[in-house]
Amino acid sequence: MRIHVDKLASVTRNLRLGRTLTLASELLLEEGSVIACKIRGEKTTYNQLEDPHGRMSTLHDGDILVGALGHRNALQGYEGVMPKALRPGDTVNLLNMGGVLGQCLSHNPDVGKPFELEVLGQVLVFPEFQSRAGQPAHVRMGALKGTGLSAHCPVVFVAGTCMNSGKTAAACATIRQLSRAGYRVGACKLTGVSLMRDALSMRDYGAEVALDFTDAGIVCTDASNASELSHIIFSELAAHGVDVIVAETGDGIMGEYGVQAILSDPALMALSGAFILCANDPVGASGAVHHLRDAFGIQTDLVAGPATDNRVGERFVATLGLPARNARADADALGKFVLGLLEPKIGAKV
């Protein structure tokens, strides 16, 4: 069956799909499989989709959307799993704005119930010239494999207590200062559920190149793949000849997206030139600082995020024996602090 598509989700970007596609009735039931669906109903909240260029568009009843099967475990969003069986006519849910599709089990009241979508079929691709033998489309097609190079430049790790704890703002403030100081900055989002927004923000703030796990063919990270994906991404950034890498771990250090696997990887942690912790409140800041030290042997260098929104929070962080910098109130101060930590390790630019 041939269809014309209204919306292509950013999770499909590795395939560079057009809007006229061929569908099959037999579906490839695995994470990353690319399928077409029709939206049922309207929503006034959480009703947008990111396209392969990073542009957001509003979704409407009847739109034909192409996304990828996957799961999500978001405290402030949707919890969803891979369907156990699926065929055309069945219903799936839109689990995030990047176009991840699955079966929703629970939702945060702030985002409302997810969109329901009617499954139309499996998207096929035709990699061989003039061949009529289509293959089930999957996000690993066209994905980065890693160059085999080892990253030797220092890495600024940015981790948080939870989603929406200020990690991307802290990462972007750091990238801006490093770029202004003359360094070639590589940036990445190592864990989470597929969405280009954060990596695009990193580019806007001066990163030479910004990658995430979907570039490496994964829809949603977990403990089984987060460490391996990080090695692939660092290898790709090293191939671009960057001087320093700023790496954000999505969600929290106790979440279900595999951050713990990264923090437990000696080879990855050996690259650490600075470790920024973002926290929503004083209790989170204190608990995370101690947990990072006790569980992983990681020393926090700087606390950022909402826990540092004013002097009250700064005073509390000082009781932990750590500096506090806020990316919203004084992004330059945050970036300059990290720059000071890194210059002895990568050399000052003249």
C-alpha atoms as a PDB file:
ATOM      1  CA  MET A   1       0.000   0.000   0.000  1.00  0.00           C
ATOM      2  CA  ARG A   2       1.240   3.482  -0.898  1.00  0.00           C
ATOM      3  CA  ILE A   3       0.384   6.417   1.377  1.00  0.00           C
ATOM      4  CA  HIS A   4       1.113  10.116   1.680  1.00  0.00           C
ATOM      5  CA  VAL A   5       2.343  11.044   5.164  1.00  0.00           C
ATOM      6  CA  ASP A   6       1.384  14.219   7.046  1.00  0.00           C
ATOM      7  CA  LYS A   7       3.992  14.052   9.807  1.00  0.00           C
ATOM      8  CA  LEU A   8       7.434  12.427   9.951  1.00  0.00           C
ATOM      9  CA  ALA A   9       8.774  12.141  13.502  1.00  0.00           C
ATOM     10  CA  SER A  10      12.364  13.042  14.371  1.00  0.00           C
ATOM     11  CA  VAL A  11      13.009   9.512  15.676  1.00  0.00           C
ATOM     12  CA  THR A  12      13.032   8.381  12.011  1.00  0.00           C
ATOM     13  CA  ARG A  13      15.710  10.869  10.928  1.00  0.00           C
ATOM     14  CA  ASN A  14      18.425   8.276  10.211  1.00  0.00           C
ATOM     15  CA  LEU A  15      16.342   6.927   7.318  1.00  0.00           C
ATOM     16  CA  ARG A  16      15.783  10.272   5.509  1.00  0.00           C
ATOM     17  CA  LEU A  17      12.262   9.257   4.523  1.00  0.00           C
ATOM     18  CA  GLY A  18      10.090  11.078   2.024  1.00  0.00           C
ATOM     19  CA  ARG A  19       6.396  11.771   2.448  1.00  0.00           C
ATOM     20  CA  THR A  20       5.225   9.093  -0.005  1.00  0.00           C
ATOM     21  CA  LEU A  21       5.843   5.676   1.497  1.00  0.00           C
ATOM     22  CA  THR A  22       5.088   2.006   0.954  1.00  0.00           C
ATOM     23  CA  LEU A  23       3.522   0.005   3.791  1.00  0.00           C
ATOM     24  CA  ALA A  24       3.351  -3.692   4.533  1.00  0.00           C
ATOM     25  CA  SER A  25       0.681  -5.372   6.651  1.00  0.00           C
ATOM     26  CA  GLU A  26       3.184  -7.552   8.524  1.00  0.00           C
ATOM     27  CA  LEU A  27       4.900  -5.549  11.251  1.00  0.00           C
ATOM     28  CA  LEU A  28       8.424  -5.914  12.617  1.00  0.00           C
ATOM     29  CA  LEU A  29       7.688  -6.028  16.338  1.00  0.00           C
ATOM     30  CA  GLU A  30      10.833  -4.649  17.952  1.00  0.00           C
ATOM     31  CA  GLU A  31      12.070  -1.363  19.356  1.00  0.00           C
ATOM     32  CA  GLY A  32      13.071   1.000  16.570  1.00  0.00           C
ATOM     33  CA  SER A  33      10.748  -0.490  13.973  1.00  0.00           C
ATOM     34  CA  VAL A  34       9.251   2.330  11.890  1.00  0.00           C
ATOM     35  CA  ILE A  35       5.483   2.243  11.382  1.00  0.00           C
ATOM     36  CA  ALA A  36       2.733   4.510  10.054  1.00  0.00           C
ATOM     37  CA  CYS A  37      -0.351   5.388  12.106  1.00  0.00           C
ATOM     38  CA  LYS A  38      -3.407   7.651  11.995  1.00  0.00           C
ATOM     39  CA  ILE A  39      -4.173   9.969  14.910  1.00  0.00           C
ATOM     40  CA  ARG A  40      -7.540   9.625  16.564  1.00  0.00           C
ATOM     41  CA  GLY A  41      -8.891  12.682  18.355  1.00  0.00           C
ATOM     42  CA  GLU A  42      -7.531  16.068  19.426  1.00  0.00           C
ATOM     43  CA  LYS A  43      -5.467  17.231  22.420  1.00  0.00           C
ATOM     44  CA  THR A  44      -4.749  20.668  23.864  1.00  0.00           C
ATOM     45  CA  THR A  45      -1.697  19.625  25.906  1.00  0.00           C
ATOM     46  CA  TYR A  46       1.362  17.676  24.795  1.00  0.00           C
ATOM     47  CA  ASN A  47       0.021  17.786  21.250  1.00  0.00           C
ATOM     48  CA  GLN A  48       3.130  18.500  19.194  1.00  0.00           C
ATOM     49  CA  LEU A  49       5.599  16.416  17.210  1.00  0.00           C
ATOM     50  CA  GLU A  50       9.228  17.124  16.408  1.00  0.00           C
ATOM     51  CA  ASP A  51      10.147  16.523  12.758  1.00  0.00           C
ATOM     52  CA  PRO A  52      13.538  15.278  11.427  1.00  0.00           C
ATOM     53  CA  HIS A  53      14.768  18.897  11.218  1.00  0.00           C
ATOM     54  CA  GLY A  54      13.836  19.666  14.827  1.00  0.00           C
ATOM     55  CA  ARG A  55      10.766  21.750  13.989  1.00  0.00           C
ATOM     56  CA  MET A  56       7.667  21.321  16.157  1.00  0.00           C
ATOM     57  CA  SER A  57       4.228  21.005  14.582  1.00  0.00           C
ATOM     58  CA  THR A  58       0.779  20.560  16.117  1.00  0.00           C
ATOM     59  CA  LEU A  59      -0.947  17.219  15.649  1.00  0.00           C
ATOM     60  CA  HIS A  60      -4.609  16.900  14.638  1.00  0.00           C
ATOM     61  CA  ASP A  61      -7.234  14.218  14.301  1.00  0.00           C
ATOM     62  CA  GLY A  62      -6.715  12.222  11.108  1.00  0.00           C
ATOM     63  CA  ASP A  63      -3.035  13.100  10.624  1.00  0.00           C
ATOM     64  CA  ILE A  64      -0.945  10.222   9.280  1.00  0.00           C
ATOM     65  CA  LEU A  65       2.205  10.008  11.361  1.00  0.00           C
ATOM     66  CA  VAL A  66       5.361   7.929  10.965  1.00  0.00           C
ATOM     67  CA  GLY A  67       7.224   7.071  14.165  1.00  0.00           C
ATOM     68  CA  ALA A  68       9.100   4.185  15.764  1.00  0.00           C
ATOM     69  CA  LEU A  69       8.118   1.562  18.311  1.00  0.00           C
ATOM     70  CA  GLY A  70       9.700   1.849  21.736  1.00  0.00           C
ATOM     71  CA  HIS A  71       9.229   2.317  25.457  1.00  0.00           C
ATOM     72  CA  ARG A  72       9.393   5.248  27.866  1.00  0.00           C
ATOM     73  CA  ASN A  73       9.743   5.607  31.647  1.00  0.00           C
ATOM     74  CA  ALA A  74       9.284   9.310  32.373  1.00  0.00           C
ATOM     75  CA  LEU A  75       8.245  10.479  35.826  1.00  0.00           C
ATOM     76  CA  GLN A  76       6.996  13.783  34.425  1.00  0.00           C
ATOM     77  CA  GLY A  77       5.589  12.307  31.227  1.00  0.00           C
ATOM     78  CA  TYR A  78       4.409   8.880  30.093  1.00  0.00           C
ATOM     79  CA  GLU A  79       5.239   5.358  31.119  1.00  0.00           C
ATOM     80  CA  GLY A  80       4.877   3.087  28.127  1.00  0.00           C
ATOM     81  CA  VAL A  81       6.013  -0.313  26.895  1.00  0.00           C
ATOM     82  CA  MET A  82       6.441  -2.187  23.651  1.00  0.00           C
ATOM     83  CA  PRO A  83       3.192  -3.877  22.553  1.00  0.00           C
ATOM     84  CA  LYS A  84       3.299  -7.661  22.876  1.00  0.00           C
ATOM     85  CA  ALA A  85       1.469  -8.052  19.562  1.00  0.00           C
ATOM     86  CA  LEU A  86       0.547  -5.606  16.820  1.00  0.00           C
ATOM     87  CA  ARG A  87      -1.223  -5.568  13.484  1.00  0.00           C
ATOM     88  CA  PRO A  88      -2.939  -2.971  11.268  1.00  0.00           C
ATOM     89  CA  GLY A  89      -6.065  -1.611  12.939  1.00  0.00           C
ATOM     90  CA  ASP A  90      -4.659  -1.940  16.474  1.00  0.00           C
ATOM     91  CA  THR A  91      -4.137   1.068  18.714  1.00  0.00           C
ATOM     92  CA  VAL A  92      -0.846   2.487  20.008  1.00  0.00           C
ATOM     93  CA  ASN A  93      -0.030   5.645  21.966  1.00  0.00           C
ATOM     94  CA  LEU A  94       2.327   8.511  21.216  1.00  0.00           C
ATOM     95  CA  LEU A  95       4.768   8.359  24.135  1.00  0.00           C
ATOM     96  CA  ASN A  96       6.843  11.454  23.395  1.00  0.00           C
ATOM     97  CA  MET A  97       7.221  14.381  21.011  1.00  0.00           C
ATOM     98  CA  GLY A  98      10.009  12.604  19.127  1.00  0.00           C
ATOM     99  CA  GLY A  99       7.554  10.051  17.756  1.00  0.00           C
ATOM    100  CA  VAL A 100       8.102   7.035  19.996  1.00  0.00           C
ATOM    101  CA  LEU A 101       5.072   4.732  19.846  1.00  0.00           C
ATOM    102  CA  GLY A 102       3.997   2.104  22.358  1.00  0.00           C
ATOM    103  CA  GLN A 103       1.369   1.090  24.875  1.00  0.00           C
ATOM    104  CA  CYS A 104       0.903   3.698  27.613  1.00  0.00           C
ATOM    105  CA  LEU A 105       0.569   2.289  31.135  1.00  0.00           C
ATOM    106  CA  SER A 106       0.453   5.501  33.177  1.00  0.00           C
ATOM    107  CA  HIS A 107       0.784   9.255  32.706  1.00  0.00           C
ATOM    108  CA  ASN A 108       1.605  12.421  34.604  1.00  0.00           C
ATOM    109  CA  PRO A 109      -1.478  14.653  35.042  1.00  0.00           C
ATOM    110  CA  ASP A 110       0.409  17.642  33.600  1.00  0.00           C
ATOM    111  CA  VAL A 111       0.631  16.061  30.143  1.00  0.00           C
ATOM    112  CA  GLY A 112      -2.808  14.426  30.093  1.00  0.00           C
ATOM    113  CA  LYS A 113      -3.660  11.134  28.444  1.00  0.00           C
ATOM    114  CA  PRO A 114      -1.576  10.378  25.344  1.00  0.00           C
ATOM    115  CA  PHE A 115      -2.758  10.458  21.758  1.00  0.00           C
ATOM    116  CA  GLU A 116      -4.276   7.237  20.475  1.00  0.00           C
ATOM    117  CA  LEU A 117      -3.202   6.163  17.000  1.00  0.00           C
ATOM    118  CA  GLU A 118      -4.534   3.525  14.636  1.00  0.00           C
ATOM    119  CA  VAL A 119      -1.766   1.362  13.189  1.00  0.00           C
ATOM    120  CA  LEU A 120      -1.738   1.435   9.372  1.00  0.00           C
ATOM    121  CA  GLY A 121       1.292  -0.702   8.604  1.00  0.00           C
ATOM    122  CA  GLN A 122       5.036  -1.263   8.532  1.00  0.00           C
ATOM    123  CA  VAL A 123       7.061   1.284   6.591  1.00  0.00           C
ATOM    124  CA  LEU A 124       9.250  -0.335   3.942  1.00  0.00           C
ATOM    125  CA  VAL A 125      12.516   0.951   2.515  1.00  0.00           C
ATOM    126  CA  PHE A 126      14.187  -0.067  -0.727  1.00  0.00           C
ATOM    127  CA  PRO A 127      17.964   0.160  -0.246  1.00  0.00           C
ATOM    128  CA  GLU A 128      18.873  -1.590  -3.495  1.00  0.00           C
ATOM    129  CA  PHE A 129      18.544   0.546  -6.616  1.00  0.00           C
ATOM    130  CA  GLN A 130      15.439  -0.331  -8.681  1.00  0.00           C
ATOM    131  CA  SER A 131      14.663  -3.262  -6.398  1.00  0.00           C
ATOM    132  CA  ARG A 132      11.037  -4.041  -5.594  1.00  0.00           C
ATOM    133  CA  ALA A 133      12.014  -6.047  -2.500  1.00  0.00           C
ATOM    134  CA  GLY A 134      11.265  -3.775   0.427  1.00  0.00           C
ATOM    135  CA  GLN A 135      12.812  -4.152   3.877  1.00  0.00           C
ATOM    136  CA  PRO A 136      11.105  -3.223   7.177  1.00  0.00           C
ATOM    137  CA  ALA A 137      12.328   0.234   8.102  1.00  0.00           C
ATOM    138  CA  HIS A 138      14.250   0.526  11.380  1.00  0.00           C
ATOM    139  CA  VAL A 139      16.018   3.473  13.032  1.00  0.00           C
ATOM    140  CA  ARG A 140      19.321   1.549  13.078  1.00  0.00           C
ATOM    141  CA  MET A 141      19.431   1.942   9.277  1.00  0.00           C
ATOM    142  CA  GLY A 142      21.874   4.743   8.553  1.00  0.00           C
ATOM    143  CA  ALA A 143      22.904   4.923  12.216  1.00  0.00           C
ATOM    144  CA  LEU A 144      26.396   5.692  13.514  1.00  0.00           C
ATOM    145  CA  LYS A 145      28.503   2.613  14.250  1.00  0.00           C
ATOM    146  CA  GLY A 146      31.483   4.281  15.916  1.00  0.00           C
ATOM    147  CA  THR A 147      34.786   5.054  14.224  1.00  0.00           C
ATOM    148  CA  GLY A 148      36.935   2.888  16.476  1.00  0.00           C
ATOM    149  CA  LEU A 149      38.788   5.945  17.728  1.00  0.00           C
ATOM    150  CA  SER A 150      39.115   6.397  21.482  1.00  0.00           C
ATOM    151  CA  ALA A 151      38.188   9.740  22.991  1.00  0.00           C
ATOM    152  CA  HIS A 152      41.218  11.201  24.744  1.00  0.00           C
ATOM    153  CA  CYS A 153      39.877  14.697  25.354  1.00  0.00           C
ATOM    154  CA  PRO A 154      38.283  15.581  28.703  1.00  0.00           C
ATOM    155  CA  VAL A 155      34.542  15.154  29.146  1.00  0.00           C
ATOM    156  CA  VAL A 156      32.245  17.408  31.145  1.00  0.00           C
ATOM    157  CA  PHE A 157      29.520  15.121  32.494  1.00  0.00           C
ATOM    158  CA  VAL A 158      26.204  16.786  33.327  1.00  0.00           C
ATOM    159  CA  ALA A 159      23.860  14.614  35.391  1.00  0.00           C
ATOM    160  CA  GLY A 160      20.744  15.351  37.409  1.00  0.00           C
ATOM    161  CA  THR A 161      18.375  14.156  40.067  1.00  0.00           C
ATOM    162  CA  CYS A 162      15.456  13.943  37.628  1.00  0.00           C
ATOM    163  CA  MET A 163      14.194  15.164  34.276  1.00  0.00           C
ATOM    164  CA  ASN A 164      13.696  18.940  34.115  1.00  0.00           C
ATOM    165  CA  SER A 165      16.439  19.570  36.667  1.00  0.00           C
ATOM    166  CA  GLY A 166      18.337  22.073  34.527  1.00  0.00           C
ATOM    167  CA  LYS A 167      20.840  19.740  32.853  1.00  0.00           C
ATOM    168  CA  THR A 168      20.563  21.100  29.316  1.00  0.00           C
ATOM    169  CA  ALA A 169      20.783  24.710  30.530  1.00  0.00           C
ATOM    170  CA  ALA A 170      23.965  23.871  32.455  1.00  0.00           C
ATOM    171  CA  ALA A 171      25.408  21.995  29.484  1.00  0.00           C
ATOM    172  CA  CYS A 172      24.654  24.872  27.122  1.00  0.00           C
ATOM    173  CA  ALA A 173      26.190  27.449  29.474  1.00  0.00           C
ATOM    174  CA  THR A 174      29.334  25.315  29.605  1.00  0.00           C
ATOM    175  CA  ILE A 175      29.447  24.860  25.825  1.00  0.00           C
ATOM    176  CA  ARG A 176      29.130  28.596  25.244  1.00  0.00           C
ATOM    177  CA  GLN A 177      32.073  29.484  27.467  1.00  0.00           C
ATOM    178  CA  LEU A 178      34.291  26.729  26.095  1.00  0.00           C
ATOM    179  CA  SER A 179      33.476  27.748  22.529  1.00  0.00           C
ATOM    180  CA  ARG A 180      34.125  31.424  23.292  1.00  0.00           C
ATOM    181  CA  ALA A 181      37.488  30.439  24.782  1.00  0.00           C
ATOM    182  CA  GLY A 182      38.456  28.978  21.405  1.00  0.00           C
ATOM    183  CA  TYR A 183      37.912  25.284  22.015  1.00  0.00           C
ATOM    184  CA  ARG A 184      36.233  22.951  19.534  1.00  0.00           C
ATOM    185  CA  VAL A 185      33.368  21.476  21.537  1.00  0.00           C
ATOM    186  CA  GLY A 186      31.621  18.192  20.886  1.00  0.00           C
ATOM    187  CA  ALA A 187      28.293  17.721  22.672  1.00  0.00           C
ATOM    188  CA  CYS A 188      25.969  14.811  23.250  1.00  0.00           C
ATOM    189  CA  LYS A 189      22.870  13.509  24.985  1.00  0.00           C
ATOM    190  CA  LEU A 190      23.744  10.010  26.185  1.00  0.00           C
ATOM    191  CA  THR A 191      20.482   8.696  27.649  1.00  0.00           C
ATOM    192  CA  GLY A 192      16.731   9.218  27.533  1.00  0.00           C
ATOM    193  CA  VAL A 193      13.983   8.832  24.960  1.00  0.00           C
ATOM    194  CA  SER A 194      14.408  10.055  21.388  1.00  0.00           C
ATOM    195  CA  LEU A 195      14.148  13.837  20.911  1.00  0.00           C
ATOM    196  CA  MET A 196      16.483  16.169  19.019  1.00  0.00           C
ATOM    197  CA  ARG A 197      15.666  19.310  21.018  1.00  0.00           C
ATOM    198  CA  ASP A 198      18.516  19.165  23.528  1.00  0.00           C
ATOM    199  CA  ALA A 199      21.205  18.345  20.965  1.00  0.00           C
ATOM    200  CA  LEU A 200      19.966  21.180  18.760  1.00  0.00           C
ATOM    201  CA  SER A 201      20.177  23.573  21.715  1.00  0.00           C
ATOM    202  CA  MET A 202      23.787  22.491  22.220  1.00  0.00           C
ATOM    203  CA  ARG A 203      24.529  23.360  18.597  1.00  0.00           C
ATOM    204  CA  ASP A 204      22.887  26.745  19.074  1.00  0.00           C
ATOM    205  CA  TYR A 205      25.254  27.471  21.973  1.00  0.00           C
ATOM    206  CA  GLY A 206      28.410  26.723  20.016  1.00  0.00           C
ATOM    207  CA  ALA A 207      28.986  22.969  19.805  1.00  0.00           C
ATOM    208  CA  GLU A 208      30.817  21.987  16.603  1.00  0.00           C
ATOM    209  CA  VAL A 209      28.842  18.752  16.492  1.00  0.00           C
ATOM    210  CA  ALA A 210      26.075  17.393  18.731  1.00  0.00           C
ATOM    211  CA  LEU A 211      24.880  13.790  18.766  1.00  0.00           C
ATOM    212  CA  ASP A 212      22.531  11.577  20.726  1.00  0.00           C
ATOM    213  CA  PHE A 213      21.705   7.894  21.093  1.00  0.00           C
ATOM    214  CA  THR A 214      19.190   7.900  18.249  1.00  0.00           C
ATOM    215  CA  ASP A 215      22.012   8.877  15.890  1.00  0.00           C
ATOM    216  CA  ALA A 216      23.437   5.503  16.976  1.00  0.00           C
ATOM    217  CA  GLY A 217      20.166   3.688  16.181  1.00  0.00           C
ATOM    218  CA  ILE A 218      18.400   3.525  19.552  1.00  0.00           C
ATOM    219  CA  VAL A 219      14.918   4.852  20.396  1.00  0.00           C
ATOM    220  CA  CYS A 220      15.156   4.715  24.187  1.00  0.00           C
ATOM    221  CA  THR A 221      18.166   3.865  26.348  1.00  0.00           C
ATOM    222  CA  ASP A 222      18.351   1.486  29.291  1.00  0.00           C
ATOM    223  CA  ALA A 223      20.925  -0.305  31.419  1.00  0.00           C
ATOM    224  CA  SER A 224      21.662  -2.801  28.646  1.00  0.00           C
ATOM    225  CA  ASN A 225      22.827  -0.283  26.033  1.00  0.00           C
ATOM    226  CA  ALA A 226      23.685   3.092  27.635  1.00  0.00           C
ATOM    227  CA  SER A 227      27.382   2.397  28.208  1.00  0.00           C
ATOM    228  CA  GLU A 228      28.005   0.939  24.745  1.00  0.00           C
ATOM    229  CA  LEU A 229      26.155   3.838  23.097  1.00  0.00           C
ATOM    230  CA  SER A 230      28.282   6.330  25.031  1.00  0.00           C
ATOM    231  CA  HIS A 231      31.460   4.724  23.683  1.00  0.00           C
ATOM    232  CA  ILE A 232      30.083   4.918  20.129  1.00  0.00           C
ATOM    233  CA  ILE A 233      29.102   8.578  20.506  1.00  0.00           C
ATOM    234  CA  PHE A 234      32.426   9.574  22.087  1.00  0.00           C
ATOM    235  CA  SER A 235      34.233   7.765  19.271  1.00  0.00           C
ATOM    236  CA  GLU A 236      32.279   9.707  16.654  1.00  0.00           C
ATOM    237  CA  LEU A 237      32.972  13.007  18.416  1.00  0.00           C
ATOM    238  CA  ALA A 238      36.674  12.157  18.644  1.00  0.00           C
ATOM    239  CA  ALA A 239      36.679  11.637  14.867  1.00  0.00           C
ATOM    240  CA  HIS A 240      35.629  15.287  14.508  1.00  0.00           C
ATOM    241  CA  GLY A 241      38.778  16.361  16.336  1.00  0.00           C
ATOM    242  CA  VAL A 242      37.060  18.144  19.213  1.00  0.00           C
ATOM    243  CA  ASP A 243      39.071  19.497  22.147  1.00  0.00           C
ATOM    244  CA  VAL A 244      36.463  18.754  24.793  1.00  0.00           C
ATOM    245  CA  ILE A 245      33.131  16.918  25.067  1.00  0.00           C
ATOM    246  CA  VAL A 246      30.093  18.069  27.045  1.00  0.00           C
ATOM    247  CA  ALA A 247      27.921  15.019  27.779  1.00  0.00           C
ATOM    248  CA  GLU A 248      24.432  15.256  29.260  1.00  0.00           C
ATOM    249  CA  THR A 249      22.809  12.183  30.750  1.00  0.00           C
ATOM    250  CA  GLY A 250      19.044  12.349  30.308  1.00  0.00           C
ATOM    251  CA  ASP A 251      16.658  11.742  33.213  1.00  0.00           C
ATOM    252  CA  GLY A 252      18.147  11.167  36.687  1.00  0.00           C
ATOM    253  CA  ILE A 253      20.973   9.226  38.258  1.00  0.00           C
ATOM    254  CA  MET A 254      18.386   6.860  39.767  1.00  0.00           C
ATOM    255  CA  GLY A 255      16.150   6.652  36.694  1.00  0.00           C
ATOM    256  CA  GLU A 256      15.524   3.774  34.292  1.00  0.00           C
ATOM    257  CA  TYR A 257      17.407   5.026  31.224  1.00  0.00           C
ATOM    258  CA  GLY A 258      20.788   3.488  32.053  1.00  0.00           C
ATOM    259  CA  VAL A 259      22.627   6.442  33.603  1.00  0.00           C
ATOM    260  CA  GLN A 260      23.969   4.108  36.307  1.00  0.00           C
ATOM    261  CA  ALA A 261      25.675   1.977  33.638  1.00  0.00           C
ATOM    262  CA  ILE A 262      27.567   5.029  32.418  1.00  0.00           C
ATOM    263  CA  LEU A 263      28.544   6.106  35.926  1.00  0.00           C
ATOM    264  CA  SER A 264      29.801   2.565  36.601  1.00  0.00           C
ATOM    265  CA  ASP A 265      31.938   2.374  33.455  1.00  0.00           C
ATOM    266  CA  PRO A 266      35.588   2.968  34.450  1.00  0.00           C
ATOM    267  CA  ALA A 267      36.684   3.839  30.911  1.00  0.00           C
ATOM    268  CA  LEU A 268      34.015   6.508  30.564  1.00  0.00           C
ATOM    269  CA  MET A 269      34.572   7.978  34.017  1.00  0.00           C
ATOM    270  CA  ALA A 270      38.339   8.086  33.412  1.00  0.00           C
ATOM    271  CA  LEU A 271      37.616  10.756  30.783  1.00  0.00           C
ATOM    272  CA  SER A 272      35.855  13.027  33.262  1.00  0.00           C
ATOM    273  CA  GLY A 273      37.321  16.513  33.385  1.00  0.00           C
ATOM    274  CA  ALA A 274      34.426  17.939  35.398  1.00  0.00           C
ATOM    275  CA  PHE A 275      31.200  16.612  36.871  1.00  0.00           C
ATOM    276  CA  ILE A 276      28.168  18.912  37.135  1.00  0.00           C
ATOM    277  CA  LEU A 277      25.192  17.839  39.228  1.00  0.00           C
ATOM    278  CA  CYS A 278      21.804  19.463  38.597  1.00  0.00           C
ATOM    279  CA  ALA A 279      19.206  19.216  41.356  1.00  0.00           C
ATOM    280  CA  ASN A 280      15.662  20.444  41.835  1.00  0.00           C
ATOM    281  CA  ASP A 281      15.855  21.046  45.598  1.00  0.00           C
ATOM    282  CA  PRO A 282      18.255  20.916  48.564  1.00  0.00           C
ATOM    283  CA  VAL A 283      17.307  17.379  49.589  1.00  0.00           C
ATOM    284  CA  GLY A 284      17.921  16.170  46.044  1.00  0.00           C
ATOM    285  CA  ALA A 285      21.254  17.970  45.901  1.00  0.00           C
ATOM    286  CA  SER A 286      22.437  16.469  49.177  1.00  0.00           C
ATOM    287  CA  GLY A 287      21.212  12.983  48.381  1.00  0.00           C
ATOM    288  CA  ALA A 288      22.721  12.991  44.883  1.00  0.00           C
ATOM    289  CA  VAL A 289      26.122  14.271  46.030  1.00  0.00           C
ATOM    290  CA  HIS A 290      26.363  11.509  48.635  1.00  0.00           C
ATOM    291  CA  HIS A 291      24.948   8.832  46.321  1.00  0.00           C
ATOM    292  CA  LEU A 292      27.413   9.674  43.541  1.00  0.00           C
ATOM    293  CA  ARG A 293      30.286   9.472  46.014  1.00  0.00           C
ATOM    294  CA  ASP A 294      29.166   6.326  47.849  1.00  0.00           C
ATOM    295  CA  ALA A 295      27.803   4.274  44.939  1.00  0.00           C
ATOM    296  CA  PHE A 296      30.178   5.300  42.141  1.00  0.00           C
ATOM    297  CA  GLY A 297      33.153   7.040  43.753  1.00  0.00           C
ATOM    298  CA  ILE A 298      32.340  10.222  41.815  1.00  0.00           C
ATOM    299  CA  GLN A 299      33.223  13.606  43.275  1.00  0.00           C
ATOM    300  CA  THR A 300      30.810  16.360  42.261  1.00  0.00           C
ATOM    301  CA  ASP A 301      32.582  19.543  41.120  1.00  0.00           C
ATOM    302  CA  LEU A 302      29.609  21.898  40.838  1.00  0.00           C
ATOM    303  CA  VAL A 303      25.910  21.980  41.744  1.00  0.00           C
ATOM    304  CA  ALA A 304      23.467  23.719  39.380  1.00  0.00           C
ATOM    305  CA  GLY A 305      19.757  23.582  38.598  1.00  0.00           C
ATOM    306  CA  PRO A 306      16.673  24.887  40.484  1.00  0.00           C
ATOM    307  CA  ALA A 307      18.297  24.066  43.836  1.00  0.00           C
ATOM    308  CA  THR A 308      20.561  27.071  43.152  1.00  0.00           C
ATOM    309  CA  ASP A 309      17.886  29.494  41.932  1.00  0.00           C
ATOM    310  CA  ASN A 310      18.694  32.035  44.670  1.00  0.00           C
ATOM    311  CA  ARG A 311      20.999  32.628  47.633  1.00  0.00           C
ATOM    312  CA  VAL A 312      18.981  30.319  49.868  1.00  0.00           C
ATOM    313  CA  GLY A 313      19.929  27.367  47.708  1.00  0.00           C
ATOM    314  CA  GLU A 314      23.495  28.572  47.280  1.00  0.00           C
ATOM    315  CA  ARG A 315      23.956  28.709  51.035  1.00  0.00           C
ATOM    316  CA  PHE A 316      22.707  25.152  51.380  1.00  0.00           C
ATOM    317  CA  VAL A 317      25.034  23.864  48.660  1.00  0.00           C
ATOM    318  CA  ALA A 318      27.902  25.562  50.485  1.00  0.00           C
ATOM    319  CA  THR A 319      27.152  23.350  53.512  1.00  0.00           C
ATOM    320  CA  LEU A 320      27.965  20.383  51.260  1.00  0.00           C
ATOM    321  CA  GLY A 321      31.388  21.900  50.646  1.00  0.00           C
ATOM    322  CA  LEU A 322      30.606  22.581  46.994  1.00  0.00           C
ATOM    323  CA  PRO A 323      30.241  25.628  44.750  1.00  0.00           C
ATOM    324  CA  ALA A 324      26.844  26.520  43.301  1.00  0.00           C
ATOM    325  CA  ARG A 325      26.233  28.225  39.953  1.00  0.00           C
ATOM    326  CA  ASN A 326      22.897  28.868  38.255  1.00  0.00           C
ATOM    327  CA  ALA A 327      22.528  28.600  34.480  1.00  0.00           C
ATOM    328  CA  ARG A 328      19.524  30.914  34.355  1.00  0.00           C
ATOM    329  CA  ALA A 329      20.683  33.637  36.738  1.00  0.00           C
ATOM    330  CA  ASP A 330      24.353  33.707  35.722  1.00  0.00           C
ATOM    331  CA  ALA A 331      25.222  31.385  32.860  1.00  0.00           C
ATOM    332  CA  ASP A 332      28.604  33.081  32.365  1.00  0.00           C
ATOM    333  CA  ALA A 333      29.646  32.314  35.939  1.00  0.00           C
ATOM    334  CA  LEU A 334      28.754  28.662  35.520  1.00  0.00           C
ATOM    335  CA  GLY A 335      30.606  28.366  32.239  1.00  0.00           C
ATOM    336  CA  LYS A 336      33.687  30.195  33.512  1.00  0.00           C
ATOM    337  CA  PHE A 337      33.866  27.954  36.575  1.00  0.00           C
ATOM    338  CA  VAL A 338      33.911  24.828  34.421  1.00  0.00           C
ATOM    339  CA  LEU A 339      36.382  26.456  32.030  1.00  0.00           C
ATOM    340  CA  GLY A 340      38.712  27.030  34.986  1.00  0.00           C
ATOM    341  CA  LEU A 341      38.537  23.331  35.861  1.00  0.00           C
ATOM    342  CA  LEU A 342      39.284  22.246  32.306  1.00  0.00           C
ATOM    343  CA  GLU A 343      42.015  24.619  31.160  1.00  0.00           C
ATOM    344  CA  PRO A 344      44.786  22.798  33.058  1.00  0.00           C
ATOM    345  CA  LYS A 345      43.694  19.561  31.347  1.00  0.00           C
ATOM    346  CA  ILE A 346      43.364  20.796  27.767  1.00  0.00           C
ATOM    347  CA  GLY A 347      45.605  23.866  27.777  1.00  0.00           C
ATOM    348  CA  ALA A 348      44.595  27.507  27.621  1.00  0.00           C
ATOM    349  CA  LYS A 349      43.825  28.903  24.189  1.00  0.00           C
ATOM    350  CA  VAL A 350      45.781  32.021  23.248  1.00  0.00           C
END
